[in-house]
Amino acid sequence: MDESVSRRKFLSRATLAIGGAIVAGWAVPAAAYIFGPARKSDRQLEWRPLGSPDKVEIGKPTLFKTRIEKTTGWVRQEEEVSVYVFTEDGRNFSGLSNICTHLGCRVRYVDDQEEFFCPCHNASFAKDGRVASGPPPRPLDAFEIRVEGGQLQVNLEV
């Protein structure tokens, strides 16, 4: 059986093959560019400096600020993170976020009431971050704090 391919069929198939190779050459890198960042799970914890442990009064949360660079997809942005640092003995430190877990408002520590207060919906949190009153669904986010080289450091996700 002699099955010869006509010139017209051969050129048609060759053109389709070359066109398919060109499309694949453009589509594969384009798909990697678009979907690549979404597949990455490069979120990692990083120790960031806060300041001297001498600034923290025993029994009173003290607000510290640090800057981190976050990457979301292809967008990189620098953001300021605030952490309340607390100690009862001057050696062991704990950290709490200053962002309310209800709607993301900033909380502040009120000395005379010994609690954190969110002005948006009159929410309050105990010194340890537990919800004392109001609509927040969960306690304030906690951070791990350590003293390294005479400086407080917080473990943050970047």
Protein backbone atom coordinates (compact mmCIF):
# COMPACT_ATOMS: atom_id res chain seq x y z
CA MET A 1 0.00 0.00 0.00
CA ASP A 2 1.56 3.16 -1.13
CA GLU A 3 0.13 5.99 0.87
CA SER A 4 1.73 9.12 -0.41
CA VAL A 5 0.98 12.44 1.11
CA SER A 6 0.04 15.15 -1.27
CA ARG A 7 2.07 18.31 -1.33
CA ARG A 8 -0.92 20.32 -0.13
CA LYS A 9 -1.47 18.00 2.90
CA PHE A 10 2.23 18.04 3.77
CA LEU A 11 2.45 21.85 3.71
CA SER A 12 -0.78 22.11 5.71
CA ARG A 13 0.54 19.79 8.42
CA ALA A 14 3.96 21.46 8.46
CA THR A 15 2.36 24.89 8.85
CA LEU A 16 0.20 23.63 11.74
CA ALA A 17 3.23 22.05 13.44
CA ILE A 18 5.34 25.21 13.12
CA GLY A 19 2.44 27.38 14.29
CA GLY A 20 1.84 25.08 17.26
CA ALA A 21 5.53 25.26 18.23
CA ILE A 22 5.44 29.08 18.09
CA VAL A 23 2.27 29.26 20.19
CA ALA A 24 3.72 26.83 22.75
CA GLY A 25 6.94 28.88 22.82
CA TRP A 26 4.92 31.93 23.88
CA ALA A 27 2.22 30.22 25.98
CA VAL A 28 4.44 28.24 28.36
CA PRO A 29 6.48 31.25 29.63
CA ALA A 30 3.31 33.38 29.76
CA ALA A 31 1.53 30.78 31.90
CA ALA A 32 4.57 30.49 34.18
CA TYR A 33 4.63 34.28 34.57
CA ILE A 34 0.93 34.47 35.42
CA PHE A 35 0.55 31.39 37.62
CA GLY A 36 4.05 31.14 39.09
CA PRO A 37 3.65 33.58 42.00
CA ALA A 38 0.36 31.99 43.03
CA ARG A 39 2.02 28.59 43.36
CA LYS A 40 4.91 29.86 45.45
CA SER A 41 4.63 29.29 49.16
CA ASP A 42 7.73 31.22 50.06
CA ARG A 43 6.19 32.77 53.15
CA GLN A 44 8.73 32.43 55.88
CA LEU A 45 9.27 33.58 59.41
CA GLU A 46 12.02 36.10 59.98
CA TRP A 47 13.40 37.63 63.18
CA ARG A 48 13.11 41.43 62.98
CA PRO A 49 14.74 43.87 65.47
CA LEU A 50 12.50 45.96 67.71
CA GLY A 51 14.73 47.79 70.18
CA SER A 52 16.17 47.60 73.65
CA PRO A 53 14.46 45.42 76.29
CA ASP A 54 15.17 48.23 78.79
CA LYS A 55 12.33 50.25 77.18
CA VAL A 56 9.75 47.70 78.34
CA GLU A 57 8.33 48.49 81.77
CA ILE A 58 7.57 45.43 83.88
CA GLY A 59 3.83 44.72 83.85
CA LYS A 60 3.06 47.30 81.13
CA PRO A 61 2.82 46.57 77.37
CA THR A 62 5.10 48.81 75.30
CA LEU A 63 4.56 49.53 71.61
CA PHE A 64 7.45 48.85 69.21
CA LYS A 65 7.52 49.29 65.43
CA THR A 66 9.50 47.56 62.71
CA ARG A 67 9.40 47.47 58.92
CA ILE A 68 9.05 44.40 56.72
CA GLU A 69 8.96 43.86 52.97
CA LYS A 70 6.03 41.72 51.80
CA THR A 71 5.69 40.13 48.39
CA THR A 72 2.25 39.40 47.01
CA GLY A 73 2.50 37.87 43.57
CA TRP A 74 4.70 40.27 41.65
CA VAL A 75 4.04 43.23 43.96
CA ARG A 76 6.61 44.08 46.63
CA GLN A 77 5.74 46.58 49.30
CA GLU A 78 7.25 47.74 52.54
CA GLU A 79 4.95 47.89 55.50
CA GLU A 80 5.23 48.95 59.12
CA VAL A 81 4.32 46.38 61.78
CA SER A 82 3.56 47.41 65.35
CA VAL A 83 3.94 45.00 68.25
CA TYR A 84 3.10 45.43 71.93
CA VAL A 85 5.85 43.78 74.00
CA PHE A 86 5.06 42.68 77.55
CA THR A 87 7.10 41.20 80.43
CA GLU A 88 6.35 40.31 84.03
CA ASP A 89 9.92 39.54 85.08
CA GLY A 90 12.24 41.46 82.72
CA ARG A 91 13.59 38.23 81.19
CA ASN A 92 10.68 36.55 79.41
CA PHE A 93 8.89 38.64 76.80
CA SER A 94 5.70 38.14 74.80
CA GLY A 95 4.31 40.12 71.89
CA LEU A 96 0.81 41.04 70.74
CA SER A 97 -0.39 42.63 67.53
CA ASN A 98 -1.96 46.07 67.74
CA ILE A 99 -4.57 45.13 65.10
CA CYS A 100 -8.09 44.30 66.26
CA THR A 101 -9.28 40.88 65.10
CA HIS A 102 -12.75 42.24 64.34
CA LEU A 103 -12.21 44.67 61.46
CA GLY A 104 -8.49 45.41 61.54
CA CYS A 105 -8.58 48.69 63.47
CA ARG A 106 -5.57 49.72 65.58
CA VAL A 107 -5.86 49.04 69.29
CA ARG A 108 -4.14 51.03 72.02
CA TYR A 109 -3.24 50.13 75.57
CA VAL A 110 -5.13 52.06 78.29
CA ASP A 111 -3.01 52.18 81.45
CA ASP A 112 -5.69 52.93 84.05
CA GLN A 113 -7.97 50.12 82.77
CA GLU A 114 -5.08 47.74 82.08
CA GLU A 115 -6.53 46.57 78.77
CA PHE A 116 -6.28 47.15 75.05
CA PHE A 117 -9.08 49.23 73.55
CA CYS A 118 -10.40 49.34 69.98
CA PRO A 119 -12.38 52.54 69.38
CA CYS A 120 -14.28 51.29 66.30
CA HIS A 121 -16.82 49.11 68.12
CA ASN A 122 -15.81 49.57 71.78
CA ALA A 123 -13.97 46.28 71.86
CA SER A 124 -11.49 45.56 74.61
CA PHE A 125 -8.81 42.93 75.15
CA ALA A 126 -7.10 41.80 78.35
CA LYS A 127 -3.33 42.24 78.82
CA ASP A 128 -2.74 38.74 77.47
CA GLY A 129 -4.77 39.49 74.30
CA ARG A 130 -7.97 37.63 75.24
CA VAL A 131 -11.25 39.27 74.21
CA ALA A 132 -12.70 41.11 77.23
CA SER A 133 -15.72 42.67 75.51
CA GLY A 134 -17.13 43.58 72.13
CA PRO A 135 -17.45 41.84 68.78
CA PRO A 136 -13.92 40.50 68.05
CA PRO A 137 -14.12 36.80 67.14
CA ARG A 138 -10.72 35.85 68.57
CA PRO A 139 -7.85 37.16 70.73
CA LEU A 140 -5.15 39.51 69.45
CA ASP A 141 -2.49 37.77 67.36
CA ALA A 142 0.55 36.76 69.40
CA PHE A 143 4.19 36.98 68.31
CA GLU A 144 7.24 35.16 69.54
CA ILE A 145 9.77 37.56 71.13
CA ARG A 146 13.41 36.88 72.00
CA VAL A 147 16.39 38.87 73.23
CA GLU A 148 19.43 38.46 70.99
CA GLY A 149 22.57 40.56 71.34
CA GLY A 150 20.88 42.88 73.83
CA GLN A 151 18.02 43.66 71.42
CA LEU A 152 14.40 42.54 71.33
CA GLN A 153 13.48 40.63 68.18
CA VAL A 154 10.07 39.57 66.89
CA ASN A 155 9.37 36.56 64.68
CA LEU A 156 7.24 37.81 61.76
CA GLU A 157 5.97 36.26 58.54
CA VAL A 158 7.44 37.98 55.49
